[in-house]
Amino acid sequence: QVQLVESGGGLVQAGGSLRLSCAASGSIFSLNTMGWYRQAPGKQRELVADITKDGITKYTESMKGRFTISRDNAKEMVYLQMNSLKPEDTAVYYCNAFITDSRTYSSVLHWGQGTQVTVSS
């Protein structure tokens, strides 16, 4: 069984920073591309950024320069550093990862439960 658990969300004033963390655990043979998505009330879930196992990153244009995704393969963690936060960044932030299960050797996309980020004006 594989699990992704996010942490680090909370309430912050506009212009502030937060660092989200996501820990993977369970029957992991290989942790492949990992990413962060977000979903604001009444809106579709959207990609924030993702990062390959080799560290190649991709960002949604509107977040490039303010957000930084990184990962620690040894710790099986992915992070999202968010700076210069705006009220429109308010959303539930979800971690996801393509994980090869050590029991089946199949690669499946897993999602965390999400962490709330609220930016006040």
PDB file of N, CA and C in Angstrom:
ATOM      1  N   GLN A   1       0.844  -1.178   0.000  1.00  0.00           N
ATOM      2  CA  GLN A   1       0.000   0.000   0.000  1.00  0.00           C
ATOM      3  C   GLN A   1       0.887   1.238   0.000  1.00  0.00           C
ATOM      4  N   VAL A   2       0.519   2.201  -0.837  1.00  0.00           N
ATOM      5  CA  VAL A   2       1.300   3.420  -0.974  1.00  0.00           C
ATOM      6  C   VAL A   2       0.481   4.599  -0.462  1.00  0.00           C
ATOM      7  N   GLN A   3       1.161   5.525   0.183  1.00  0.00           N
ATOM      8  CA  GLN A   3       0.472   6.684   0.744  1.00  0.00           C
ATOM      9  C   GLN A   3       1.287   7.938   0.489  1.00  0.00           C
ATOM     10  N   LEU A   4       0.577   9.030   0.173  1.00  0.00           N
ATOM     11  CA  LEU A   4       1.190  10.354   0.064  1.00  0.00           C
ATOM     12  C   LEU A   4       0.527  11.249   1.099  1.00  0.00           C
ATOM     13  N   VAL A   5       1.340  11.925   1.895  1.00  0.00           N
ATOM     14  CA  VAL A   5       0.798  12.785   2.947  1.00  0.00           C
ATOM     15  C   VAL A   5       1.418  14.161   2.828  1.00  0.00           C
ATOM     16  N   GLU A   6       0.562  15.163   2.632  1.00  0.00           N
ATOM     17  CA  GLU A   6       1.029  16.545   2.528  1.00  0.00           C
ATOM     18  C   GLU A   6       1.032  17.218   3.892  1.00  0.00           C
ATOM     19  N   SER A   7       1.868  18.231   4.023  1.00  0.00           N
ATOM     20  CA  SER A   7       1.895  19.052   5.228  1.00  0.00           C
ATOM     21  C   SER A   7       2.417  20.434   4.852  1.00  0.00           C
ATOM     22  N   GLY A   8       2.219  21.381   5.758  1.00  0.00           N
ATOM     23  CA  GLY A   8       2.782  22.710   5.558  1.00  0.00           C
ATOM     24  C   GLY A   8       1.805  23.784   5.137  1.00  0.00           C
ATOM     25  N   GLY A   9       0.555  23.404   4.900  1.00  0.00           N
ATOM     26  CA  GLY A   9      -0.424  24.418   4.528  1.00  0.00           C
ATOM     27  C   GLY A   9      -0.795  25.286   5.721  1.00  0.00           C
ATOM     28  N   GLY A  10      -1.575  26.314   5.440  1.00  0.00           N
ATOM     29  CA  GLY A  10      -2.012  27.187   6.518  1.00  0.00           C
ATOM     30  C   GLY A  10      -2.480  28.525   6.003  1.00  0.00           C
ATOM     31  N   LEU A  11      -2.589  29.458   6.934  1.00  0.00           N
ATOM     32  CA  LEU A  11      -3.035  30.814   6.625  1.00  0.00           C
ATOM     33  C   LEU A  11      -1.831  31.742   6.599  1.00  0.00           C
ATOM     34  N   VAL A  12      -1.720  32.527   5.541  1.00  0.00           N
ATOM     35  CA  VAL A  12      -0.599  33.451   5.409  1.00  0.00           C
ATOM     36  C   VAL A  12      -1.099  34.741   4.764  1.00  0.00           C
ATOM     37  N   GLN A  13      -0.461  35.831   5.089  1.00  0.00           N
ATOM     38  CA  GLN A  13      -0.835  37.111   4.473  1.00  0.00           C
ATOM     39  C   GLN A  13      -0.249  37.216   3.076  1.00  0.00           C
ATOM     40  N   ALA A  14      -0.895  38.017   2.259  1.00  0.00           N
ATOM     41  CA  ALA A  14      -0.393  38.252   0.914  1.00  0.00           C
ATOM     42  C   ALA A  14       1.050  38.759   0.984  1.00  0.00           C
ATOM     43  N   GLY A  15       1.868  38.216   0.095  1.00  0.00           N
ATOM     44  CA  GLY A  15       3.282  38.543   0.081  1.00  0.00           C
ATOM     45  C   GLY A  15       4.135  37.596   0.902  1.00  0.00           C
ATOM     46  N   GLY A  16       3.490  36.760   1.683  1.00  0.00           N
ATOM     47  CA  GLY A  16       4.205  35.820   2.527  1.00  0.00           C
ATOM     48  C   GLY A  16       4.620  34.558   1.789  1.00  0.00           C
ATOM     49  N   SER A  17       5.178  33.630   2.547  1.00  0.00           N
ATOM     50  CA  SER A  17       5.702  32.385   1.977  1.00  0.00           C
ATOM     51  C   SER A  17       5.215  31.187   2.780  1.00  0.00           C
ATOM     52  N   LEU A  18       5.141  30.075   2.100  1.00  0.00           N
ATOM     53  CA  LEU A  18       4.857  28.786   2.730  1.00  0.00           C
ATOM     54  C   LEU A  18       5.670  27.725   2.008  1.00  0.00           C
ATOM     55  N   ARG A  19       6.000  26.682   2.740  1.00  0.00           N
ATOM     56  CA  ARG A  19       6.675  25.538   2.140  1.00  0.00           C
ATOM     57  C   ARG A  19       5.845  24.298   2.405  1.00  0.00           C
ATOM     58  N   LEU A  20       5.375  23.689   1.332  1.00  0.00           N
ATOM     59  CA  LEU A  20       4.610  22.458   1.442  1.00  0.00           C
ATOM     60  C   LEU A  20       5.544  21.260   1.298  1.00  0.00           C
ATOM     61  N   SER A  21       5.217  20.221   2.036  1.00  0.00           N
ATOM     62  CA  SER A  21       5.978  18.971   1.948  1.00  0.00           C
ATOM     63  C   SER A  21       5.027  17.824   1.664  1.00  0.00           C
ATOM     64  N   CYS A  22       5.534  16.814   0.997  1.00  0.00           N
ATOM     65  CA  CYS A  22       4.738  15.623   0.712  1.00  0.00           C
ATOM     66  C   CYS A  22       5.640  14.412   0.897  1.00  0.00           C
ATOM     67  N   ALA A  23       5.216  13.522   1.767  1.00  0.00           N
ATOM     68  CA  ALA A  23       5.987  12.325   2.068  1.00  0.00           C
ATOM     69  C   ALA A  23       5.312  11.104   1.466  1.00  0.00           C
ATOM     70  N   ALA A  24       6.102  10.315   0.761  1.00  0.00           N
ATOM     71  CA  ALA A  24       5.605   9.058   0.210  1.00  0.00           C
ATOM     72  C   ALA A  24       6.038   7.920   1.116  1.00  0.00           C
ATOM     73  N   SER A  25       5.158   6.937   1.262  1.00  0.00           N
ATOM     74  CA  SER A  25       5.507   5.787   2.087  1.00  0.00           C
ATOM     75  C   SER A  25       4.777   4.557   1.571  1.00  0.00           C
ATOM     76  N   GLY A  26       5.264   3.395   1.994  1.00  0.00           N
ATOM     77  CA  GLY A  26       4.617   2.154   1.617  1.00  0.00           C
ATOM     78  C   GLY A  26       5.475   1.299   0.716  1.00  0.00           C
ATOM     79  N   SER A  27       4.818   0.496  -0.100  1.00  0.00           N
ATOM     80  CA  SER A  27       5.500  -0.479  -0.954  1.00  0.00           C
ATOM     81  C   SER A  27       5.997   0.188  -2.234  1.00  0.00           C
ATOM     82  N   ILE A  28       7.061   0.973  -2.080  1.00  0.00           N
ATOM     83  CA  ILE A  28       7.587   1.765  -3.191  1.00  0.00           C
ATOM     84  C   ILE A  28       8.819   1.110  -3.776  1.00  0.00           C
ATOM     85  N   PHE A  29       8.735   0.735  -5.053  1.00  0.00           N
ATOM     86  CA  PHE A  29       9.915   0.259  -5.765  1.00  0.00           C
ATOM     87  C   PHE A  29      10.628   1.434  -6.416  1.00  0.00           C
ATOM     88  N   SER A  30       9.823   2.331  -7.000  1.00  0.00           N
ATOM     89  CA  SER A  30      10.402   3.488  -7.675  1.00  0.00           C
ATOM     90  C   SER A  30       9.432   4.660  -7.584  1.00  0.00           C
ATOM     91  N   LEU A  31      10.008   5.825  -7.218  1.00  0.00           N
ATOM     92  CA  LEU A  31       9.217   7.046  -7.138  1.00  0.00           C
ATOM     93  C   LEU A  31       9.551   7.859  -8.382  1.00  0.00           C
ATOM     94  N   ASN A  32       8.617   7.992  -9.282  1.00  0.00           N
ATOM     95  CA  ASN A  32       8.892   8.608 -10.566  1.00  0.00           C
ATOM     96  C   ASN A  32       8.482  10.075 -10.531  1.00  0.00           C
ATOM     97  N   THR A  33       7.848  10.581 -11.556  1.00  0.00           N
ATOM     98  CA  THR A  33       7.497  11.998 -11.561  1.00  0.00           C
ATOM     99  C   THR A  33       6.548  12.325 -10.413  1.00  0.00           C
ATOM    100  N   MET A  34       6.860  13.417  -9.724  1.00  0.00           N
ATOM    101  CA  MET A  34       6.032  13.883  -8.616  1.00  0.00           C
ATOM    102  C   MET A  34       5.573  15.299  -8.926  1.00  0.00           C
ATOM    103  N   GLY A  35       4.419  15.669  -8.390  1.00  0.00           N
ATOM    104  CA  GLY A  35       3.914  16.986  -8.729  1.00  0.00           C
ATOM    105  C   GLY A  35       3.006  17.567  -7.670  1.00  0.00           C
ATOM    106  N   TRP A  36       2.725  18.832  -7.861  1.00  0.00           N
ATOM    107  CA  TRP A  36       1.763  19.555  -7.038  1.00  0.00           C
ATOM    108  C   TRP A  36       0.665  20.112  -7.933  1.00  0.00           C
ATOM    109  N   TYR A  37      -0.554  19.906  -7.504  1.00  0.00           N
ATOM    110  CA  TYR A  37      -1.728  20.478  -8.147  1.00  0.00           C
ATOM    111  C   TYR A  37      -2.463  21.304  -7.103  1.00  0.00           C
ATOM    112  N   ARG A  38      -3.370  22.146  -7.584  1.00  0.00           N
ATOM    113  CA  ARG A  38      -4.199  22.881  -6.636  1.00  0.00           C
ATOM    114  C   ARG A  38      -5.614  23.003  -7.178  1.00  0.00           C
ATOM    115  N   GLN A  39      -6.541  23.150  -6.253  1.00  0.00           N
ATOM    116  CA  GLN A  39      -7.938  23.316  -6.641  1.00  0.00           C
ATOM    117  C   GLN A  39      -8.573  24.382  -5.759  1.00  0.00           C
ATOM    118  N   ALA A  40      -8.952  25.468  -6.395  1.00  0.00           N
ATOM    119  CA  ALA A  40      -9.640  26.549  -5.693  1.00  0.00           C
ATOM    120  C   ALA A  40     -11.143  26.277  -5.714  1.00  0.00           C
ATOM    121  N   PRO A  41     -11.885  26.853  -4.793  1.00  0.00           N
ATOM    122  CA  PRO A  41     -13.336  26.630  -4.755  1.00  0.00           C
ATOM    123  C   PRO A  41     -13.995  26.984  -6.080  1.00  0.00           C
ATOM    124  N   GLY A  42     -14.780  26.048  -6.602  1.00  0.00           N
ATOM    125  CA  GLY A  42     -15.506  26.283  -7.834  1.00  0.00           C
ATOM    126  C   GLY A  42     -14.678  26.181  -9.092  1.00  0.00           C
ATOM    127  N   LYS A  43     -13.421  25.781  -8.954  1.00  0.00           N
ATOM    128  CA  LYS A  43     -12.539  25.690 -10.120  1.00  0.00           C
ATOM    129  C   LYS A  43     -12.014  24.273 -10.280  1.00  0.00           C
ATOM    130  N   GLN A  44     -11.503  24.004 -11.474  1.00  0.00           N
ATOM    131  CA  GLN A  44     -10.912  22.694 -11.740  1.00  0.00           C
ATOM    132  C   GLN A  44      -9.529  22.596 -11.103  1.00  0.00           C
ATOM    133  N   ARG A  45      -9.145  21.375 -10.823  1.00  0.00           N
ATOM    134  CA  ARG A  45      -7.792  21.146 -10.323  1.00  0.00           C
ATOM    135  C   ARG A  45      -6.805  21.482 -11.435  1.00  0.00           C
ATOM    136  N   GLU A  46      -5.747  22.198 -11.077  1.00  0.00           N
ATOM    137  CA  GLU A  46      -4.758  22.599 -12.066  1.00  0.00           C
ATOM    138  C   GLU A  46      -3.349  22.257 -11.606  1.00  0.00           C
ATOM    139  N   LEU A  47      -2.496  22.025 -12.587  1.00  0.00           N
ATOM    140  CA  LEU A  47      -1.091  21.740 -12.301  1.00  0.00           C
ATOM    141  C   LEU A  47      -0.412  22.996 -11.779  1.00  0.00           C
ATOM    142  N   VAL A  48       0.367  22.821 -10.714  1.00  0.00           N
ATOM    143  CA  VAL A  48       1.245  23.882 -10.245  1.00  0.00           C
ATOM    144  C   VAL A  48       2.646  23.653 -10.811  1.00  0.00           C
ATOM    145  N   ALA A  49       3.171  22.470 -10.538  1.00  0.00           N
ATOM    146  CA  ALA A  49       4.506  22.122 -11.022  1.00  0.00           C
ATOM    147  C   ALA A  49       4.710  20.632 -10.870  1.00  0.00           C
ATOM    148  N   ASP A  50       5.612  20.085 -11.675  1.00  0.00           N
ATOM    149  CA  ASP A  50       6.026  18.721 -11.417  1.00  0.00           C
ATOM    150  C   ASP A  50       7.516  18.570 -11.644  1.00  0.00           C
ATOM    151  N   ILE A  51       8.049  17.436 -11.193  1.00  0.00           N
ATOM    152  CA  ILE A  51       9.493  17.216 -11.232  1.00  0.00           C
ATOM    153  C   ILE A  51       9.751  15.743 -11.466  1.00  0.00           C
ATOM    154  N   THR A  52      10.630  15.463 -12.413  1.00  0.00           N
ATOM    155  CA  THR A  52      10.964  14.083 -12.704  1.00  0.00           C
ATOM    156  C   THR A  52      11.940  13.544 -11.673  1.00  0.00           C
ATOM    157  N   LYS A  53      12.173  12.261 -11.773  1.00  0.00           N
ATOM    158  CA  LYS A  53      13.126  11.619 -10.864  1.00  0.00           C
ATOM    159  C   LYS A  53      14.520  12.222 -11.021  1.00  0.00           C
ATOM    160  N   ASP A  54      14.834  12.699 -12.206  1.00  0.00           N
ATOM    161  CA  ASP A  54      16.147  13.295 -12.481  1.00  0.00           C
ATOM    162  C   ASP A  54      16.187  14.792 -12.203  1.00  0.00           C
ATOM    163  N   GLY A  55      15.075  15.343 -11.715  1.00  0.00           N
ATOM    164  CA  GLY A  55      15.071  16.746 -11.327  1.00  0.00           C
ATOM    165  C   GLY A  55      14.644  17.733 -12.390  1.00  0.00           C
ATOM    166  N   ILE A  56      14.093  17.241 -13.478  1.00  0.00           N
ATOM    167  CA  ILE A  56      13.601  18.147 -14.520  1.00  0.00           C
ATOM    168  C   ILE A  56      12.239  18.673 -14.088  1.00  0.00           C
ATOM    169  N   THR A  57      12.110  19.984 -14.094  1.00  0.00           N
ATOM    170  CA  THR A  57      10.900  20.611 -13.575  1.00  0.00           C
ATOM    171  C   THR A  57      10.048  21.228 -14.674  1.00  0.00           C
ATOM    172  N   LYS A  58       8.775  21.340 -14.363  1.00  0.00           N
ATOM    173  CA  LYS A  58       7.824  22.005 -15.252  1.00  0.00           C
ATOM    174  C   LYS A  58       6.878  22.799 -14.375  1.00  0.00           C
ATOM    175  N   TYR A  59       6.590  24.040 -14.785  1.00  0.00           N
ATOM    176  CA  TYR A  59       5.713  24.914 -14.018  1.00  0.00           C
ATOM    177  C   TYR A  59       4.590  25.450 -14.891  1.00  0.00           C
ATOM    178  N   THR A  60       3.455  25.674 -14.276  1.00  0.00           N
ATOM    179  CA  THR A  60       2.422  26.459 -14.933  1.00  0.00           C
ATOM    180  C   THR A  60       2.934  27.895 -14.985  1.00  0.00           C
ATOM    181  N   GLU A  61       2.755  28.531 -16.110  1.00  0.00           N
ATOM    182  CA  GLU A  61       3.371  29.826 -16.377  1.00  0.00           C
ATOM    183  C   GLU A  61       3.095  30.860 -15.296  1.00  0.00           C
ATOM    184  N   SER A  62       1.894  30.918 -14.792  1.00  0.00           N
ATOM    185  CA  SER A  62       1.515  31.957 -13.832  1.00  0.00           C
ATOM    186  C   SER A  62       2.222  31.803 -12.484  1.00  0.00           C
ATOM    187  N   MET A  63       2.792  30.623 -12.257  1.00  0.00           N
ATOM    188  CA  MET A  63       3.445  30.373 -10.974  1.00  0.00           C
ATOM    189  C   MET A  63       4.966  30.340 -11.091  1.00  0.00           C
ATOM    190  N   LYS A  64       5.428  30.399 -12.318  1.00  0.00           N
ATOM    191  CA  LYS A  64       6.868  30.354 -12.533  1.00  0.00           C
ATOM    192  C   LYS A  64       7.501  31.593 -11.920  1.00  0.00           C
ATOM    193  N   GLY A  65       8.591  31.400 -11.199  1.00  0.00           N
ATOM    194  CA  GLY A  65       9.276  32.519 -10.577  1.00  0.00           C
ATOM    195  C   GLY A  65       8.866  32.760  -9.139  1.00  0.00           C
ATOM    196  N   ARG A  66       7.669  32.338  -8.765  1.00  0.00           N
ATOM    197  CA  ARG A  66       7.227  32.491  -7.377  1.00  0.00           C
ATOM    198  C   ARG A  66       7.276  31.166  -6.629  1.00  0.00           C
ATOM    199  N   PHE A  67       7.024  30.084  -7.351  1.00  0.00           N
ATOM    200  CA  PHE A  67       6.990  28.756  -6.736  1.00  0.00           C
ATOM    201  C   PHE A  67       8.189  27.945  -7.195  1.00  0.00           C
ATOM    202  N   THR A  68       8.710  27.125  -6.302  1.00  0.00           N
ATOM    203  CA  THR A  68       9.829  26.249  -6.640  1.00  0.00           C
ATOM    204  C   THR A  68       9.547  24.844  -6.140  1.00  0.00           C
ATOM    205  N   ILE A  69       9.582  23.891  -7.056  1.00  0.00           N
ATOM    206  CA  ILE A  69       9.391  22.497  -6.678  1.00  0.00           C
ATOM    207  C   ILE A  69      10.757  21.838  -6.549  1.00  0.00           C
ATOM    208  N   SER A  70      10.881  20.954  -5.572  1.00  0.00           N
ATOM    209  CA  SER A  70      12.123  20.201  -5.386  1.00  0.00           C
ATOM    210  C   SER A  70      11.768  18.856  -4.784  1.00  0.00           C
ATOM    211  N   ARG A  71      12.743  17.965  -4.784  1.00  0.00           N
ATOM    212  CA  ARG A  71      12.504  16.644  -4.211  1.00  0.00           C
ATOM    213  C   ARG A  71      13.769  16.109  -3.586  1.00  0.00           C
ATOM    214  N   ASP A  72      13.559  15.204  -2.655  1.00  0.00           N
ATOM    215  CA  ASP A  72      14.664  14.490  -2.008  1.00  0.00           C
ATOM    216  C   ASP A  72      14.377  13.014  -2.225  1.00  0.00           C
ATOM    217  N   ASN A  73      15.080  12.407  -3.180  1.00  0.00           N
ATOM    218  CA  ASN A  73      14.792  11.012  -3.522  1.00  0.00           C
ATOM    219  C   ASN A  73      15.101  10.065  -2.366  1.00  0.00           C
ATOM    220  N   ALA A  74      16.118  10.357  -1.598  1.00  0.00           N
ATOM    221  CA  ALA A  74      16.491   9.486  -0.487  1.00  0.00           C
ATOM    222  C   ALA A  74      15.411   9.484   0.592  1.00  0.00           C
ATOM    223  N   LYS A  75      14.795  10.646   0.794  1.00  0.00           N
ATOM    224  CA  LYS A  75      13.747  10.749   1.812  1.00  0.00           C
ATOM    225  C   LYS A  75      12.354  10.482   1.236  1.00  0.00           C
ATOM    226  N   GLU A  76      12.268  10.318  -0.078  1.00  0.00           N
ATOM    227  CA  GLU A  76      10.987  10.085  -0.756  1.00  0.00           C
ATOM    228  C   GLU A  76      10.020  11.227  -0.455  1.00  0.00           C
ATOM    229  N   MET A  77      10.524  12.435  -0.661  1.00  0.00           N
ATOM    230  CA  MET A  77       9.762  13.639  -0.375  1.00  0.00           C
ATOM    231  C   MET A  77       9.773  14.553  -1.599  1.00  0.00           C
ATOM    232  N   VAL A  78       8.706  15.338  -1.709  1.00  0.00           N
ATOM    233  CA  VAL A  78       8.662  16.419  -2.686  1.00  0.00           C
ATOM    234  C   VAL A  78       8.199  17.671  -1.949  1.00  0.00           C
ATOM    235  N   TYR A  79       8.733  18.819  -2.373  1.00  0.00           N
ATOM    236  CA  TYR A  79       8.456  20.070  -1.680  1.00  0.00           C
ATOM    237  C   TYR A  79       7.954  21.115  -2.680  1.00  0.00           C
ATOM    238  N   LEU A  80       7.229  22.080  -2.143  1.00  0.00           N
ATOM    239  CA  LEU A  80       6.828  23.229  -2.940  1.00  0.00           C
ATOM    240  C   LEU A  80       7.052  24.480  -2.100  1.00  0.00           C
ATOM    241  N   GLN A  81       8.046  25.258  -2.491  1.00  0.00           N
ATOM    242  CA  GLN A  81       8.305  26.540  -1.840  1.00  0.00           C
ATOM    243  C   GLN A  81       7.488  27.595  -2.565  1.00  0.00           C
ATOM    244  N   MET A  82       6.639  28.281  -1.827  1.00  0.00           N
ATOM    245  CA  MET A  82       5.763  29.288  -2.421  1.00  0.00           C
ATOM    246  C   MET A  82       6.089  30.654  -1.822  1.00  0.00           C
ATOM    247  N   ASN A  83       6.497  31.569  -2.663  1.00  0.00           N
ATOM    248  CA  ASN A  83       6.844  32.924  -2.236  1.00  0.00           C
ATOM    249  C   ASN A  83       5.899  33.932  -2.881  1.00  0.00           C
ATOM    250  N   SER A  84       5.898  35.131  -2.332  1.00  0.00           N
ATOM    251  CA  SER A  84       5.071  36.228  -2.869  1.00  0.00           C
ATOM    252  C   SER A  84       3.632  35.761  -3.105  1.00  0.00           C
ATOM    253  N   LEU A  85       3.081  35.134  -2.099  1.00  0.00           N
ATOM    254  CA  LEU A  85       1.743  34.549  -2.249  1.00  0.00           C
ATOM    255  C   LEU A  85       0.685  35.635  -2.430  1.00  0.00           C
ATOM    256  N   LYS A  86      -0.321  35.294  -3.218  1.00  0.00           N
ATOM    257  CA  LYS A  86      -1.420  36.194  -3.535  1.00  0.00           C
ATOM    258  C   LYS A  86      -2.725  35.559  -3.082  1.00  0.00           C
ATOM    259  N   PRO A  87      -3.737  36.367  -2.837  1.00  0.00           N
ATOM    260  CA  PRO A  87      -5.038  35.782  -2.446  1.00  0.00           C
ATOM    261  C   PRO A  87      -5.549  34.755  -3.455  1.00  0.00           C
ATOM    262  N   GLU A  88      -5.246  34.946  -4.719  1.00  0.00           N
ATOM    263  CA  GLU A  88      -5.699  33.998  -5.740  1.00  0.00           C
ATOM    264  C   GLU A  88      -4.964  32.664  -5.700  1.00  0.00           C
ATOM    265  N   ASP A  89      -3.953  32.559  -4.852  1.00  0.00           N
ATOM    266  CA  ASP A  89      -3.279  31.273  -4.654  1.00  0.00           C
ATOM    267  C   ASP A  89      -4.020  30.413  -3.637  1.00  0.00           C
ATOM    268  N   THR A  90      -5.043  30.960  -3.023  1.00  0.00           N
ATOM    269  CA  THR A  90      -5.832  30.200  -2.058  1.00  0.00           C
ATOM    270  C   THR A  90      -6.458  28.992  -2.733  1.00  0.00           C
ATOM    271  N   ALA A  91      -6.193  27.832  -2.174  1.00  0.00           N
ATOM    272  CA  ALA A  91      -6.672  26.575  -2.762  1.00  0.00           C
ATOM    273  C   ALA A  91      -6.277  25.419  -1.850  1.00  0.00           C
ATOM    274  N   VAL A  92      -6.810  24.252  -2.178  1.00  0.00           N
ATOM    275  CA  VAL A  92      -6.295  23.027  -1.587  1.00  0.00           C
ATOM    276  C   VAL A  92      -5.183  22.537  -2.518  1.00  0.00           C
ATOM    277  N   TYR A  93      -4.039  22.273  -1.955  1.00  0.00           N
ATOM    278  CA  TYR A  93      -2.879  21.829  -2.727  1.00  0.00           C
ATOM    279  C   TYR A  93      -2.695  20.322  -2.533  1.00  0.00           C
ATOM    280  N   TYR A  94      -2.583  19.647  -3.665  1.00  0.00           N
ATOM    281  CA  TYR A  94      -2.465  18.195  -3.669  1.00  0.00           C
ATOM    282  C   TYR A  94      -1.111  17.773  -4.225  1.00  0.00           C
ATOM    283  N   CYS A  95      -0.547  16.788  -3.599  1.00  0.00           N
ATOM    284  CA  CYS A  95       0.658  16.156  -4.095  1.00  0.00           C
ATOM    285  C   CYS A  95       0.242  14.925  -4.899  1.00  0.00           C
ATOM    286  N   ASN A  96       0.976  14.644  -5.987  1.00  0.00           N
ATOM    287  CA  ASN A  96       0.763  13.368  -6.652  1.00  0.00           C
ATOM    288  C   ASN A  96       2.092  12.777  -7.093  1.00  0.00           C
ATOM    289  N   ALA A  97       2.069  11.506  -7.395  1.00  0.00           N
ATOM    290  CA  ALA A  97       3.293  10.835  -7.801  1.00  0.00           C
ATOM    291  C   ALA A  97       2.971   9.558  -8.566  1.00  0.00           C
ATOM    292  N   PHE A  98       3.755   9.322  -9.612  1.00  0.00           N
ATOM    293  CA  PHE A  98       3.719   8.033 -10.284  1.00  0.00           C
ATOM    294  C   PHE A  98       4.660   7.119  -9.512  1.00  0.00           C
ATOM    295  N   ILE A  99       4.085   6.059  -8.971  1.00  0.00           N
ATOM    296  CA  ILE A  99       4.862   5.175  -8.102  1.00  0.00           C
ATOM    297  C   ILE A  99       4.799   3.763  -8.638  1.00  0.00           C
ATOM    298  N   THR A 100       5.981   3.152  -8.786  1.00  0.00           N
ATOM    299  CA  THR A 100       6.047   1.741  -9.135  1.00  0.00           C
ATOM    300  C   THR A 100       5.993   0.948  -7.848  1.00  0.00           C
ATOM    301  N   ASP A 101       4.962   0.137  -7.759  1.00  0.00           N
ATOM    302  CA  ASP A 101       4.727  -0.642  -6.545  1.00  0.00           C
ATOM    303  C   ASP A 101       5.691  -1.820  -6.480  1.00  0.00           C
ATOM    304  N   SER A 102       6.314  -2.011  -5.335  1.00  0.00           N
ATOM    305  CA  SER A 102       7.292  -3.096  -5.188  1.00  0.00           C
ATOM    306  C   SER A 102       6.632  -4.470  -5.154  1.00  0.00           C
ATOM    307  N   ARG A 103       5.313  -4.520  -4.985  1.00  0.00           N
ATOM    308  CA  ARG A 103       4.637  -5.822  -4.937  1.00  0.00           C
ATOM    309  C   ARG A 103       4.217  -6.265  -6.332  1.00  0.00           C
ATOM    310  N   THR A 104       3.859  -5.314  -7.175  1.00  0.00           N
ATOM    311  CA  THR A 104       3.298  -5.650  -8.490  1.00  0.00           C
ATOM    312  C   THR A 104       4.154  -5.150  -9.656  1.00  0.00           C
ATOM    313  N   TYR A 105       5.080  -4.216  -9.362  1.00  0.00           N
ATOM    314  CA  TYR A 105       5.905  -3.563 -10.385  1.00  0.00           C
ATOM    315  C   TYR A 105       5.060  -2.826 -11.429  1.00  0.00           C
ATOM    316  N   SER A 106       3.878  -2.452 -11.033  1.00  0.00           N
ATOM    317  CA  SER A 106       3.047  -1.605 -11.892  1.00  0.00           C
ATOM    318  C   SER A 106       3.185  -0.167 -11.426  1.00  0.00           C
ATOM    319  N   SER A 107       3.135   0.760 -12.383  1.00  0.00           N
ATOM    320  CA  SER A 107       3.265   2.184 -12.065  1.00  0.00           C
ATOM    321  C   SER A 107       1.877   2.808 -12.029  1.00  0.00           C
ATOM    322  N   VAL A 108       1.540   3.371 -10.899  1.00  0.00           N
ATOM    323  CA  VAL A 108       0.203   3.921 -10.686  1.00  0.00           C
ATOM    324  C   VAL A 108       0.333   5.354 -10.185  1.00  0.00           C
ATOM    325  N   LEU A 109      -0.592   6.202 -10.608  1.00  0.00           N
ATOM    326  CA  LEU A 109      -0.619   7.579 -10.121  1.00  0.00           C
ATOM    327  C   LEU A 109      -1.360   7.629  -8.788  1.00  0.00           C
ATOM    328  N   HIS A 110      -0.680   8.141  -7.782  1.00  0.00           N
ATOM    329  CA  HIS A 110      -1.261   8.274  -6.456  1.00  0.00           C
ATOM    330  C   HIS A 110      -1.431   9.758  -6.104  1.00  0.00           C
ATOM    331  N   TRP A 111      -2.434  10.029  -5.276  1.00  0.00           N
ATOM    332  CA  TRP A 111      -2.720  11.384  -4.816  1.00  0.00           C
ATOM    333  C   TRP A 111      -2.744  11.443  -3.300  1.00  0.00           C
ATOM    334  N   GLY A 112      -2.306  12.571  -2.774  1.00  0.00           N
ATOM    335  CA  GLY A 112      -2.472  12.825  -1.359  1.00  0.00           C
ATOM    336  C   GLY A 112      -3.859  13.381  -1.080  1.00  0.00           C
ATOM    337  N   GLN A 113      -4.129  13.616   0.197  1.00  0.00           N
ATOM    338  CA  GLN A 113      -5.443  14.105   0.608  1.00  0.00           C
ATOM    339  C   GLN A 113      -5.579  15.618   0.451  1.00  0.00           C
ATOM    340  N   GLY A 114      -4.486  16.301   0.317  1.00  0.00           N
ATOM    341  CA  GLY A 114      -4.533  17.747   0.121  1.00  0.00           C
ATOM    342  C   GLY A 114      -4.268  18.522   1.404  1.00  0.00           C
ATOM    343  N   THR A 115      -3.752  19.727   1.230  1.00  0.00           N
ATOM    344  CA  THR A 115      -3.524  20.624   2.353  1.00  0.00           C
ATOM    345  C   THR A 115      -4.016  22.017   1.954  1.00  0.00           C
ATOM    346  N   GLN A 116      -4.732  22.655   2.865  1.00  0.00           N
ATOM    347  CA  GLN A 116      -5.343  23.943   2.562  1.00  0.00           C
ATOM    348  C   GLN A 116      -4.322  25.073   2.693  1.00  0.00           C
ATOM    349  N   VAL A 117      -4.285  25.913   1.682  1.00  0.00           N
ATOM    350  CA  VAL A 117      -3.495  27.136   1.722  1.00  0.00           C
ATOM    351  C   VAL A 117      -4.453  28.304   1.558  1.00  0.00           C
ATOM    352  N   THR A 118      -4.427  29.202   2.517  1.00  0.00           N
ATOM    353  CA  THR A 118      -5.288  30.378   2.470  1.00  0.00           C
ATOM    354  C   THR A 118      -4.417  31.627   2.563  1.00  0.00           C
ATOM    355  N   VAL A 119      -4.560  32.505   1.574  1.00  0.00           N
ATOM    356  CA  VAL A 119      -3.787  33.741   1.536  1.00  0.00           C
ATOM    357  C   VAL A 119      -4.742  34.907   1.742  1.00  0.00           C
ATOM    358  N   SER A 120      -4.524  35.648   2.816  1.00  0.00           N
ATOM    359  CA  SER A 120      -5.401  36.779   3.115  1.00  0.00           C
ATOM    360  C   SER A 120      -4.834  38.060   2.518  1.00  0.00           C
ATOM    361  N   SER A 121      -5.736  38.955   2.159  1.00  0.00           N
ATOM    362  CA  SER A 121      -5.302  40.214   1.530  1.00  0.00           C
ATOM    363  C   SER A 121      -5.050  41.293   2.566  1.00  0.00           C
TER     364      SER A 121
END
